[in-house]
Amino acid sequence: MKISIIIPTLNEAHQISDRVRHLRQMDGDCEVIVVDAGSEDETVARAADAGARMVISDERGRGAQLRLGASKATGDVLVFLHADTHLPSEAVQAIRRELENATNIGGNFRIVFDGPTGFAKWLTGFYAWFRSKGLYYGDSVMFLRRSIYEELGGIMPYPVMEDYDLGRKMEAHGGTVCIEDVPVITSSRRFRGKHPVWIFLGWCVLHGFYYAGLSTHILGWVYDTRRRRTASR
């Protein structure tokens, strides 16, 4: 069972080398693909030097980058990994273990947000509550059999909500799992400076617009605008 790990990047030079080297040491039969969308730093060179297979995307956005990476992958299983999420050394074997059961199509990992703060712990609990409702996102490292990925039409080239959309299709198909015993660790940086109430309300607004049929490009603009305002505080 060959596994392809696909990482979308944009200006991730500060962490991509360590991320790729760690992944390549995890499993001998594991392909690491980095899909870059025009980084202005040393992301491409550092990822290539670390041993990643490089793919250059003309279109920015995780959805488009992940879809392109999946089309280039040679693995039987596709793993979608954000550059700021750490995949533990046992993760690939955990995926193999779950997919030995032919009824399992894929799933995600329990997610832990980094940092010792109460806010990070709140985020971890909040996302656990999401998962209990059958909802999950790309920062929890989604994976699935390639055959099922193709059957579902793949990940859509949306600027936002591409991971949520794929997760809903996976849940509708059935046979998903959440790997609890090998949690992944992700950065809480994008949430810093936000009150939990505003995070929840923002989540409700974004999903409400999504289900109302608002263009994902408009949703992407709303998401980016909110993120820039938070970062400037």
Protein backbone atom coordinates (compact mmCIF):
# COMPACT_ATOMS: atom_id res chain seq x y z
CA MET A 1 0.00 0.00 0.00
CA LYS A 2 1.84 3.07 -1.23
CA ILE A 3 0.98 6.36 0.44
CA SER A 4 1.29 9.81 -1.14
CA ILE A 5 1.46 12.79 1.22
CA ILE A 6 0.51 16.06 -0.50
CA ILE A 7 1.45 19.42 1.00
CA PRO A 8 0.26 22.77 -0.45
CA THR A 9 2.71 25.60 0.20
CA LEU A 10 3.06 29.35 -0.11
CA ASN A 11 6.05 30.97 1.60
CA GLU A 12 6.73 28.14 4.05
CA ALA A 13 10.55 28.22 3.85
CA HIS A 14 10.85 28.52 7.64
CA GLN A 15 9.43 25.05 8.23
CA ILE A 16 9.20 23.03 5.01
CA SER A 17 12.67 21.42 5.17
CA ASP A 18 12.10 19.85 8.58
CA ARG A 19 8.59 18.82 7.63
CA VAL A 20 9.68 16.99 4.46
CA ARG A 21 12.69 15.30 6.08
CA HIS A 22 10.52 14.06 8.93
CA LEU A 23 7.98 12.60 6.51
CA ARG A 24 10.60 10.87 4.40
CA GLN A 25 12.06 9.18 7.47
CA MET A 26 8.67 7.83 8.54
CA ASP A 27 8.10 5.19 5.87
CA GLY A 28 10.13 3.83 2.97
CA ASP A 29 7.12 3.42 0.70
CA CYS A 30 5.83 6.96 1.11
CA GLU A 31 5.79 9.66 -1.57
CA VAL A 32 6.05 13.30 -0.43
CA ILE A 33 4.67 15.85 -2.89
CA VAL A 34 4.94 19.60 -2.29
CA VAL A 35 2.66 21.74 -4.45
CA ASP A 36 3.87 25.32 -4.45
CA ALA A 37 1.85 28.27 -5.71
CA GLY A 38 4.47 30.92 -6.32
CA SER A 39 6.37 31.27 -3.06
CA GLU A 40 8.59 34.34 -2.91
CA ASP A 41 10.98 32.79 -0.40
CA GLU A 42 13.11 29.61 -0.50
CA THR A 43 10.22 27.16 -0.10
CA VAL A 44 10.71 25.38 -3.43
CA ALA A 45 14.48 25.00 -3.13
CA ARG A 46 14.36 23.84 0.47
CA ALA A 47 11.56 21.34 -0.13
CA ALA A 48 13.39 19.89 -3.13
CA ASP A 49 16.67 19.67 -1.22
CA ALA A 50 14.87 17.82 1.56
CA GLY A 51 13.68 15.22 -0.94
CA ALA A 52 10.15 16.25 -1.87
CA ARG A 53 8.74 15.77 -5.33
CA MET A 54 7.96 19.31 -6.46
CA VAL A 55 4.86 20.36 -8.37
CA ILE A 56 4.33 24.01 -9.35
CA SER A 57 0.77 25.31 -9.43
CA ASP A 58 -0.25 28.28 -11.57
CA GLU A 59 -3.27 28.76 -9.30
CA ARG A 60 -3.13 29.73 -5.65
CA GLY A 61 -5.44 28.20 -3.10
CA ARG A 62 -5.31 24.95 -1.15
CA GLY A 63 -8.11 23.34 -3.13
CA ALA A 64 -6.45 23.90 -6.49
CA GLN A 65 -3.02 22.93 -5.16
CA LEU A 66 -4.23 19.74 -3.50
CA ARG A 67 -6.22 18.71 -6.55
CA LEU A 68 -3.15 19.18 -8.75
CA GLY A 69 -0.97 17.26 -6.32
CA ALA A 70 -3.45 14.39 -6.20
CA SER A 71 -3.43 14.19 -10.00
CA LYS A 72 0.36 13.75 -9.91
CA ALA A 73 0.45 11.28 -7.03
CA THR A 74 1.27 7.61 -7.58
CA GLY A 75 0.08 6.24 -4.23
CA ASP A 76 -2.86 3.98 -3.43
CA VAL A 77 -3.71 6.27 -0.52
CA LEU A 78 -3.75 10.08 -0.57
CA VAL A 79 -2.92 12.10 2.54
CA PHE A 80 -3.56 15.85 2.56
CA LEU A 81 -1.24 17.65 4.97
CA HIS A 82 -1.07 21.36 5.81
CA ALA A 83 2.45 22.74 6.10
CA ASP A 84 1.87 23.92 9.67
CA THR A 85 0.58 20.56 10.91
CA HIS A 86 2.96 17.99 12.41
CA LEU A 87 2.31 14.36 11.49
CA PRO A 88 3.71 12.04 14.20
CA SER A 89 6.14 9.28 13.26
CA GLU A 90 3.48 6.61 13.90
CA ALA A 91 0.90 8.25 11.64
CA VAL A 92 1.60 6.39 8.40
CA GLN A 93 1.47 3.02 10.14
CA ALA A 94 -1.78 4.09 11.82
CA ILE A 95 -3.26 4.85 8.39
CA ARG A 96 -2.13 1.45 7.09
CA ARG A 97 -3.66 -0.22 10.14
CA GLU A 98 -7.05 1.40 9.62
CA LEU A 99 -7.13 0.72 5.89
CA GLU A 100 -6.37 -2.96 6.37
CA ASN A 101 -10.09 -3.07 7.09
CA ALA A 102 -11.58 -3.06 3.58
CA THR A 103 -14.74 -1.29 4.78
CA ASN A 104 -12.76 1.80 5.83
CA ILE A 105 -12.34 4.37 3.05
CA GLY A 106 -10.30 6.96 4.95
CA GLY A 107 -10.77 9.63 7.56
CA ASN A 108 -8.69 12.01 9.65
CA PHE A 109 -6.76 12.33 12.92
CA ARG A 110 -7.60 13.75 16.31
CA ILE A 111 -6.15 17.24 16.30
CA VAL A 112 -4.29 19.03 19.10
CA PHE A 113 -3.49 22.74 18.88
CA ASP A 114 -0.01 23.72 19.99
CA GLY A 115 0.78 25.88 22.99
CA PRO A 116 0.19 25.56 26.75
CA THR A 117 -2.53 28.22 26.86
CA GLY A 118 -6.12 27.71 27.83
CA PHE A 119 -7.05 29.05 24.41
CA ALA A 120 -5.16 26.24 22.65
CA LYS A 121 -6.89 23.71 24.89
CA TRP A 122 -10.25 25.29 24.07
CA LEU A 123 -9.54 24.98 20.34
CA THR A 124 -8.58 21.33 20.79
CA GLY A 125 -11.86 20.65 22.58
CA PHE A 126 -13.85 22.67 20.06
CA TYR A 127 -12.48 20.64 17.15
CA ALA A 128 -13.15 17.39 19.04
CA TRP A 129 -16.76 18.50 19.33
CA PHE A 130 -16.80 19.18 15.58
CA ARG A 131 -15.53 15.67 14.89
CA SER A 132 -18.19 14.13 17.12
CA LYS A 133 -20.71 15.68 14.70
CA GLY A 134 -18.96 14.14 11.69
CA LEU A 135 -17.30 17.44 10.72
CA TYR A 136 -13.60 17.89 10.11
CA TYR A 137 -11.12 19.96 8.14
CA GLY A 138 -7.79 19.68 6.41
CA ASP A 139 -5.72 20.70 9.42
CA SER A 140 -6.68 17.36 11.00
CA VAL A 141 -4.90 15.57 8.11
CA MET A 142 -7.49 13.92 5.88
CA PHE A 143 -6.67 10.68 4.08
CA LEU A 144 -8.53 8.29 1.81
CA ARG A 145 -8.10 5.53 -0.70
CA ARG A 146 -7.26 6.84 -4.14
CA SER A 147 -10.07 4.80 -5.71
CA ILE A 148 -12.61 6.44 -3.40
CA TYR A 149 -11.10 9.88 -3.99
CA GLU A 150 -11.67 9.46 -7.72
CA GLU A 151 -15.15 8.04 -7.19
CA LEU A 152 -16.10 11.12 -5.15
CA GLY A 153 -14.82 13.47 -7.84
CA GLY A 154 -11.74 14.53 -5.91
CA ILE A 155 -11.11 17.64 -3.88
CA MET A 156 -12.63 20.73 -5.44
CA PRO A 157 -10.40 23.68 -6.46
CA TYR A 158 -12.12 26.02 -4.01
CA PRO A 159 -10.16 28.83 -2.28
CA VAL A 160 -11.84 27.84 1.02
CA MET A 161 -14.09 25.02 2.26
CA GLU A 162 -12.43 22.52 -0.08
CA ASP A 163 -11.60 20.30 2.90
CA TYR A 164 -15.06 20.57 4.44
CA ASP A 165 -16.63 19.72 1.07
CA LEU A 166 -14.46 16.62 0.69
CA GLY A 167 -15.21 15.57 4.26
CA ARG A 168 -18.95 15.81 3.67
CA LYS A 169 -18.61 13.60 0.58
CA MET A 170 -16.56 11.09 2.54
CA GLU A 171 -19.12 11.00 5.34
CA ALA A 172 -21.97 10.55 2.85
CA HIS A 173 -20.12 7.59 1.35
CA GLY A 174 -19.55 6.02 4.77
CA GLY A 175 -16.69 4.04 6.25
CA THR A 176 -14.62 6.89 7.72
CA VAL A 177 -12.49 6.68 10.84
CA CYS A 178 -10.88 9.16 13.22
CA ILE A 179 -7.46 8.04 14.43
CA GLU A 180 -7.52 8.98 18.11
CA ASP A 181 -4.38 7.30 19.46
CA VAL A 182 -1.95 9.18 17.20
CA PRO A 183 -3.02 12.84 17.33
CA VAL A 184 -1.61 15.42 14.95
CA ILE A 185 -0.37 18.78 16.23
CA THR A 186 -1.21 21.97 14.39
CA SER A 187 -0.47 25.65 14.85
CA SER A 188 -2.97 27.86 16.64
CA ARG A 189 -1.40 31.02 15.17
CA ARG A 190 -4.28 31.86 12.82
CA PHE A 191 -6.69 31.97 15.78
CA ARG A 192 -4.56 34.09 18.09
CA GLY A 193 -6.18 37.36 19.08
CA LYS A 194 -9.68 36.02 18.49
CA HIS A 195 -12.27 35.50 21.19
CA PRO A 196 -13.88 32.03 21.24
CA VAL A 197 -17.32 33.57 20.67
CA TRP A 198 -16.12 35.30 17.49
CA ILE A 199 -14.48 32.11 16.27
CA PHE A 200 -17.75 30.23 16.66
CA LEU A 201 -19.81 33.01 15.07
CA GLY A 202 -17.34 33.26 12.19
CA TRP A 203 -17.63 29.52 11.68
CA CYS A 204 -21.44 29.79 11.61
CA VAL A 205 -21.37 32.66 9.10
CA LEU A 206 -18.91 30.92 6.77
CA HIS A 207 -20.87 27.67 6.79
CA GLY A 208 -24.17 29.49 6.47
CA PHE A 209 -22.96 31.25 3.34
CA TYR A 210 -21.59 27.95 2.02
CA TYR A 211 -24.93 26.17 2.40
CA ALA A 212 -26.75 29.19 0.96
CA GLY A 213 -24.79 28.62 -2.24
CA LEU A 214 -22.59 31.71 -2.08
CA SER A 215 -19.61 31.50 -4.43
CA THR A 216 -16.56 29.96 -2.78
CA HIS A 217 -14.49 32.76 -4.30
CA ILE A 218 -16.56 35.29 -2.33
CA LEU A 219 -16.21 33.09 0.74
CA GLY A 220 -12.47 33.09 0.17
CA TRP A 221 -12.44 36.89 0.09
CA VAL A 222 -14.45 37.05 3.33
CA TYR A 223 -12.11 34.55 5.01
CA ASP A 224 -8.94 36.33 3.89
CA THR A 225 -10.29 39.73 4.93
CA ARG A 226 -11.10 38.49 8.43
CA ARG A 227 -7.70 36.83 8.75
CA ARG A 228 -5.81 39.96 7.66
CA ARG A 229 -7.74 42.12 10.12
CA THR A 230 -6.87 39.76 12.95
CA ALA A 231 -3.20 39.62 11.93
CA SER A 232 -2.95 43.42 11.92
CA ARG A 233 -4.11 43.77 15.52
